[in-house]
Amino acid sequence: MVAPPEQEPVLKNFEIPDEPEIGESAREAGVSVRPVYPKVSPPLTPSSGATTLQRIQSVEFAYPQNVYEDMSKGSASDSKTWYGAFNLRRIKKALLKGLRVILKTER
């Protein structure tokens, strides 16, 4: 059996320059380097400036929860079963996050 040759380490030390390199043709064209800052939206405040407004988020479903529970009890090869289980999972996640869940009346 032949021993494998010495392999170079996969991770190498790289130095990240402070400014990217710009070619001469780009400099002649007027390209320059400037910092880019992430956009942060300011918090919503009413005109009085009293407190921060909060948006009430809601999730709307096409059927009531008991319909999704009945759908999820079907065959594993049926797409309705997966649709019911998916929507039950969405309802649980919405309740966990504190979102308002709107269930339509039974059709």
N, C-alpha and C. Protein backbone atom coordinates (compact mmCIF):
# COMPACT_ATOMS: atom_id res chain seq x y z
N MET A 1 0.84 -1.17 0.00
CA MET A 1 0.00 0.00 0.00
C MET A 1 0.89 1.24 0.00
N VAL A 2 0.54 2.19 -0.84
CA VAL A 2 1.33 3.41 -0.99
C VAL A 2 0.81 4.47 -0.04
N ALA A 3 1.72 5.12 0.65
CA ALA A 3 1.33 6.20 1.57
C ALA A 3 0.94 7.44 0.77
N PRO A 4 -0.13 8.14 1.16
CA PRO A 4 -0.54 9.34 0.42
C PRO A 4 0.47 10.46 0.59
N PRO A 5 0.65 11.29 -0.43
CA PRO A 5 1.60 12.39 -0.30
C PRO A 5 1.09 13.41 0.71
N GLU A 6 2.01 14.19 1.23
CA GLU A 6 1.63 15.23 2.19
C GLU A 6 0.69 16.22 1.51
N GLN A 7 -0.40 16.52 2.18
CA GLN A 7 -1.37 17.46 1.63
C GLN A 7 -1.24 18.79 2.35
N GLU A 8 -1.49 19.85 1.58
CA GLU A 8 -1.47 21.17 2.19
C GLU A 8 -2.71 21.34 3.03
N PRO A 9 -2.62 22.11 4.10
CA PRO A 9 -3.83 22.32 4.90
C PRO A 9 -4.88 23.08 4.07
N VAL A 10 -6.12 22.71 4.27
CA VAL A 10 -7.21 23.31 3.50
C VAL A 10 -7.40 24.78 3.88
N LEU A 11 -7.36 25.06 5.16
CA LEU A 11 -7.53 26.43 5.62
C LEU A 11 -6.19 27.16 5.61
N LYS A 12 -6.18 28.29 4.97
CA LYS A 12 -4.97 29.09 4.92
C LYS A 12 -5.25 30.43 5.58
N ASN A 13 -4.24 31.08 6.03
CA ASN A 13 -4.40 32.40 6.62
C ASN A 13 -4.47 33.44 5.52
N PHE A 14 -5.56 34.16 5.46
CA PHE A 14 -5.74 35.20 4.48
C PHE A 14 -5.79 36.55 5.19
N GLU A 15 -5.18 37.51 4.58
CA GLU A 15 -5.25 38.86 5.11
C GLU A 15 -6.29 39.63 4.31
N ILE A 16 -7.18 40.29 5.02
CA ILE A 16 -8.21 41.09 4.37
C ILE A 16 -7.72 42.53 4.34
N PRO A 17 -7.56 43.10 3.15
CA PRO A 17 -7.07 44.48 3.08
C PRO A 17 -8.13 45.47 3.57
N ASP A 18 -7.67 46.63 4.03
CA ASP A 18 -8.60 47.66 4.48
C ASP A 18 -9.41 48.22 3.32
N GLU A 19 -8.78 48.37 2.18
CA GLU A 19 -9.46 48.88 0.99
C GLU A 19 -9.24 47.90 -0.15
N PRO A 20 -10.28 47.68 -0.96
CA PRO A 20 -10.09 46.78 -2.10
C PRO A 20 -9.17 47.39 -3.15
N GLU A 21 -8.54 46.53 -3.92
CA GLU A 21 -7.65 47.01 -4.98
C GLU A 21 -8.48 47.43 -6.18
N ILE A 22 -8.17 48.59 -6.72
CA ILE A 22 -8.86 49.09 -7.90
C ILE A 22 -7.84 49.24 -9.01
N GLY A 23 -8.15 48.70 -10.17
CA GLY A 23 -7.24 48.77 -11.30
C GLY A 23 -7.10 50.20 -11.83
N GLU A 24 -6.04 50.43 -12.61
CA GLU A 24 -5.78 51.76 -13.17
C GLU A 24 -6.90 52.22 -14.10
N SER A 25 -7.42 51.31 -14.91
CA SER A 25 -8.48 51.70 -15.83
C SER A 25 -9.74 52.11 -15.06
N ALA A 26 -10.00 51.45 -13.93
CA ALA A 26 -11.18 51.82 -13.13
C ALA A 26 -10.96 53.17 -12.46
N ARG A 27 -9.74 53.41 -11.99
CA ARG A 27 -9.45 54.72 -11.37
C ARG A 27 -9.61 55.85 -12.40
N GLU A 28 -9.14 55.60 -13.62
CA GLU A 28 -9.28 56.62 -14.67
C GLU A 28 -10.74 56.88 -15.01
N ALA A 29 -11.58 55.84 -14.84
CA ALA A 29 -13.01 55.99 -15.13
C ALA A 29 -13.76 56.68 -14.00
N GLY A 30 -13.09 56.91 -12.85
CA GLY A 30 -13.70 57.63 -11.75
C GLY A 30 -14.26 56.75 -10.65
N VAL A 31 -13.89 55.48 -10.60
CA VAL A 31 -14.38 54.59 -9.56
C VAL A 31 -13.60 54.87 -8.29
N SER A 32 -14.32 55.01 -7.17
CA SER A 32 -13.65 55.24 -5.89
C SER A 32 -14.24 54.30 -4.85
N VAL A 33 -13.59 54.22 -3.71
CA VAL A 33 -14.01 53.35 -2.63
C VAL A 33 -14.67 54.21 -1.56
N ARG A 34 -15.87 53.78 -1.16
CA ARG A 34 -16.54 54.48 -0.06
C ARG A 34 -17.19 53.43 0.83
N PRO A 35 -17.32 53.70 2.14
CA PRO A 35 -17.93 52.72 3.02
C PRO A 35 -19.44 52.63 2.79
N VAL A 36 -19.97 51.44 2.98
CA VAL A 36 -21.41 51.21 2.84
C VAL A 36 -21.94 50.81 4.21
N TYR A 37 -22.91 51.54 4.69
CA TYR A 37 -23.49 51.27 5.99
C TYR A 37 -24.86 50.61 5.82
N PRO A 38 -25.21 49.66 6.68
CA PRO A 38 -26.52 49.02 6.56
C PRO A 38 -27.64 50.01 6.89
N LYS A 39 -28.76 49.84 6.19
CA LYS A 39 -29.90 50.72 6.44
C LYS A 39 -30.67 50.21 7.65
N VAL A 40 -30.84 51.06 8.63
CA VAL A 40 -31.59 50.74 9.83
C VAL A 40 -32.77 51.69 9.89
N SER A 41 -33.97 51.12 9.88
CA SER A 41 -35.14 51.99 9.92
C SER A 41 -35.36 52.48 11.35
N PRO A 42 -35.71 53.75 11.51
CA PRO A 42 -35.94 54.28 12.85
C PRO A 42 -37.22 53.69 13.43
N PRO A 43 -37.33 53.63 14.76
CA PRO A 43 -38.56 53.11 15.35
C PRO A 43 -39.73 54.04 15.06
N LEU A 44 -40.92 53.46 14.94
CA LEU A 44 -42.11 54.25 14.66
C LEU A 44 -42.55 54.98 15.92
N THR A 45 -42.72 56.27 15.83
CA THR A 45 -43.21 57.04 16.96
C THR A 45 -44.36 57.92 16.51
N PRO A 46 -45.35 58.10 17.36
CA PRO A 46 -46.46 58.98 16.98
C PRO A 46 -46.00 60.43 16.97
N SER A 47 -46.83 61.30 16.43
CA SER A 47 -46.45 62.71 16.31
C SER A 47 -46.22 63.34 17.67
N SER A 48 -46.86 62.83 18.71
CA SER A 48 -46.64 63.39 20.05
C SER A 48 -45.31 62.94 20.63
N GLY A 49 -44.75 61.85 20.09
CA GLY A 49 -43.45 61.37 20.57
C GLY A 49 -43.55 60.61 21.87
N ALA A 50 -44.74 60.18 22.27
CA ALA A 50 -44.93 59.57 23.57
C ALA A 50 -44.35 58.16 23.65
N THR A 51 -44.83 57.24 22.85
CA THR A 51 -44.37 55.86 22.93
C THR A 51 -44.15 55.31 21.53
N THR A 52 -43.53 54.17 21.47
CA THR A 52 -43.28 53.52 20.19
C THR A 52 -44.52 52.76 19.75
N LEU A 53 -44.90 52.91 18.50
CA LEU A 53 -46.04 52.18 17.96
C LEU A 53 -45.62 50.76 17.60
N GLN A 54 -46.50 49.82 17.78
CA GLN A 54 -46.23 48.45 17.38
C GLN A 54 -47.28 48.01 16.39
N ARG A 55 -46.85 47.37 15.36
CA ARG A 55 -47.78 46.85 14.36
C ARG A 55 -48.30 45.50 14.83
N ILE A 56 -49.60 45.32 14.73
CA ILE A 56 -50.19 44.05 15.09
C ILE A 56 -50.14 43.15 13.86
N GLN A 57 -49.42 42.07 13.97
CA GLN A 57 -49.29 41.15 12.85
C GLN A 57 -50.33 40.05 13.00
N SER A 58 -50.90 39.66 11.89
CA SER A 58 -51.90 38.60 11.93
C SER A 58 -51.64 37.62 10.79
N VAL A 59 -52.08 36.39 11.01
CA VAL A 59 -51.97 35.34 10.02
C VAL A 59 -53.39 34.86 9.73
N GLU A 60 -53.73 34.79 8.44
CA GLU A 60 -55.09 34.42 8.07
C GLU A 60 -55.08 33.05 7.39
N PHE A 61 -56.04 32.20 7.77
CA PHE A 61 -56.14 30.86 7.23
C PHE A 61 -57.47 30.70 6.51
N ALA A 62 -57.52 29.79 5.55
CA ALA A 62 -58.71 29.60 4.73
C ALA A 62 -59.80 28.81 5.44
N TYR A 63 -59.42 27.91 6.34
CA TYR A 63 -60.38 27.04 7.02
C TYR A 63 -60.17 27.14 8.53
N PRO A 64 -61.17 26.71 9.32
CA PRO A 64 -60.97 26.65 10.77
C PRO A 64 -60.00 25.52 11.14
N GLN A 65 -59.53 25.56 12.36
CA GLN A 65 -58.49 24.63 12.79
C GLN A 65 -58.97 23.18 12.75
N ASN A 66 -60.22 22.92 13.07
CA ASN A 66 -60.69 21.53 13.08
C ASN A 66 -60.67 20.90 11.68
N VAL A 67 -60.84 21.69 10.63
CA VAL A 67 -60.76 21.18 9.26
C VAL A 67 -59.33 20.73 8.96
N TYR A 68 -58.34 21.53 9.39
CA TYR A 68 -56.94 21.16 9.17
C TYR A 68 -56.58 19.92 9.98
N GLU A 69 -57.15 19.78 11.18
CA GLU A 69 -56.88 18.58 11.97
C GLU A 69 -57.43 17.34 11.29
N ASP A 70 -58.63 17.44 10.70
CA ASP A 70 -59.21 16.30 9.97
C ASP A 70 -58.38 15.97 8.72
N MET A 71 -57.92 17.01 8.02
CA MET A 71 -57.10 16.79 6.82
C MET A 71 -55.80 16.07 7.15
N SER A 72 -55.18 16.42 8.28
CA SER A 72 -53.86 15.88 8.61
C SER A 72 -53.91 14.42 9.04
N LYS A 73 -55.10 13.85 9.23
CA LYS A 73 -55.21 12.46 9.68
C LYS A 73 -55.36 11.49 8.52
N GLY A 74 -55.14 11.93 7.30
CA GLY A 74 -55.30 11.07 6.14
C GLY A 74 -54.07 10.24 5.84
N SER A 75 -54.02 9.75 4.62
CA SER A 75 -52.92 8.90 4.17
C SER A 75 -51.66 9.74 3.97
N ALA A 76 -50.50 9.16 4.23
CA ALA A 76 -49.24 9.88 4.09
C ALA A 76 -48.92 10.19 2.63
N SER A 77 -49.53 9.47 1.70
CA SER A 77 -49.26 9.72 0.29
C SER A 77 -50.23 10.75 -0.31
N ASP A 78 -51.19 11.22 0.48
CA ASP A 78 -52.18 12.19 0.00
C ASP A 78 -51.69 13.61 0.26
N SER A 79 -51.83 14.46 -0.73
CA SER A 79 -51.35 15.84 -0.58
C SER A 79 -52.20 16.64 0.41
N LYS A 80 -53.47 16.28 0.58
CA LYS A 80 -54.31 16.99 1.54
C LYS A 80 -53.82 16.78 2.96
N THR A 81 -53.29 15.60 3.23
CA THR A 81 -52.74 15.31 4.56
C THR A 81 -51.58 16.24 4.86
N TRP A 82 -50.69 16.39 3.89
CA TRP A 82 -49.53 17.26 4.08
C TRP A 82 -49.95 18.72 4.19
N TYR A 83 -50.96 19.13 3.42
CA TYR A 83 -51.48 20.49 3.48
C TYR A 83 -52.07 20.78 4.86
N GLY A 84 -52.83 19.84 5.40
CA GLY A 84 -53.42 20.01 6.73
C GLY A 84 -52.35 20.10 7.81
N ALA A 85 -51.36 19.20 7.73
CA ALA A 85 -50.28 19.21 8.73
C ALA A 85 -49.46 20.50 8.64
N PHE A 86 -49.22 20.97 7.42
CA PHE A 86 -48.47 22.20 7.21
C PHE A 86 -49.18 23.39 7.86
N ASN A 87 -50.50 23.49 7.65
CA ASN A 87 -51.24 24.61 8.20
C ASN A 87 -51.39 24.52 9.71
N LEU A 88 -51.50 23.32 10.26
CA LEU A 88 -51.50 23.18 11.72
C LEU A 88 -50.19 23.66 12.30
N ARG A 89 -49.07 23.34 11.63
CA ARG A 89 -47.75 23.78 12.08
C ARG A 89 -47.66 25.31 12.01
N ARG A 90 -48.24 25.91 10.95
CA ARG A 90 -48.25 27.37 10.83
C ARG A 90 -49.05 28.02 11.95
N ILE A 91 -50.19 27.42 12.31
CA ILE A 91 -51.01 27.96 13.40
C ILE A 91 -50.24 27.91 14.71
N LYS A 92 -49.58 26.79 14.98
CA LYS A 92 -48.81 26.65 16.22
C LYS A 92 -47.66 27.64 16.28
N LYS A 93 -46.97 27.85 15.16
CA LYS A 93 -45.86 28.81 15.13
C LYS A 93 -46.36 30.23 15.34
N ALA A 94 -47.51 30.56 14.74
CA ALA A 94 -48.07 31.89 14.90
C ALA A 94 -48.46 32.14 16.35
N LEU A 95 -49.07 31.15 16.99
CA LEU A 95 -49.43 31.30 18.39
C LEU A 95 -48.20 31.42 19.27
N LEU A 96 -47.15 30.67 18.94
CA LEU A 96 -45.91 30.74 19.70
C LEU A 96 -45.26 32.11 19.59
N LYS A 97 -45.31 32.70 18.40
CA LYS A 97 -44.72 34.02 18.19
C LYS A 97 -45.61 35.15 18.69
N GLY A 98 -46.83 34.83 19.10
CA GLY A 98 -47.73 35.85 19.62
C GLY A 98 -48.46 36.60 18.53
N LEU A 99 -48.58 36.01 17.35
CA LEU A 99 -49.30 36.66 16.27
C LEU A 99 -50.78 36.38 16.41
N ARG A 100 -51.59 37.28 15.88
CA ARG A 100 -53.03 37.09 15.92
C ARG A 100 -53.41 36.13 14.80
N VAL A 101 -54.11 35.05 15.14
CA VAL A 101 -54.51 34.05 14.15
C VAL A 101 -55.97 34.27 13.81
N ILE A 102 -56.24 34.43 12.51
CA ILE A 102 -57.61 34.62 12.04
C ILE A 102 -58.00 33.38 11.26
N LEU A 103 -59.00 32.66 11.79
CA LEU A 103 -59.50 31.46 11.14
C LEU A 103 -60.85 31.78 10.53
N LYS A 104 -61.04 31.42 9.28
CA LYS A 104 -62.31 31.67 8.59
C LYS A 104 -63.39 30.78 9.18
N THR A 105 -64.65 31.20 9.04
CA THR A 105 -65.75 30.37 9.51
C THR A 105 -65.88 29.16 8.61
N GLU A 106 -66.50 28.15 9.12
CA GLU A 106 -66.60 26.89 8.38
C GLU A 106 -67.44 27.07 7.13
N ARG A 107 -66.97 26.51 6.03
CA ARG A 107 -67.64 26.66 4.75
C ARG A 107 -68.67 25.61 4.53
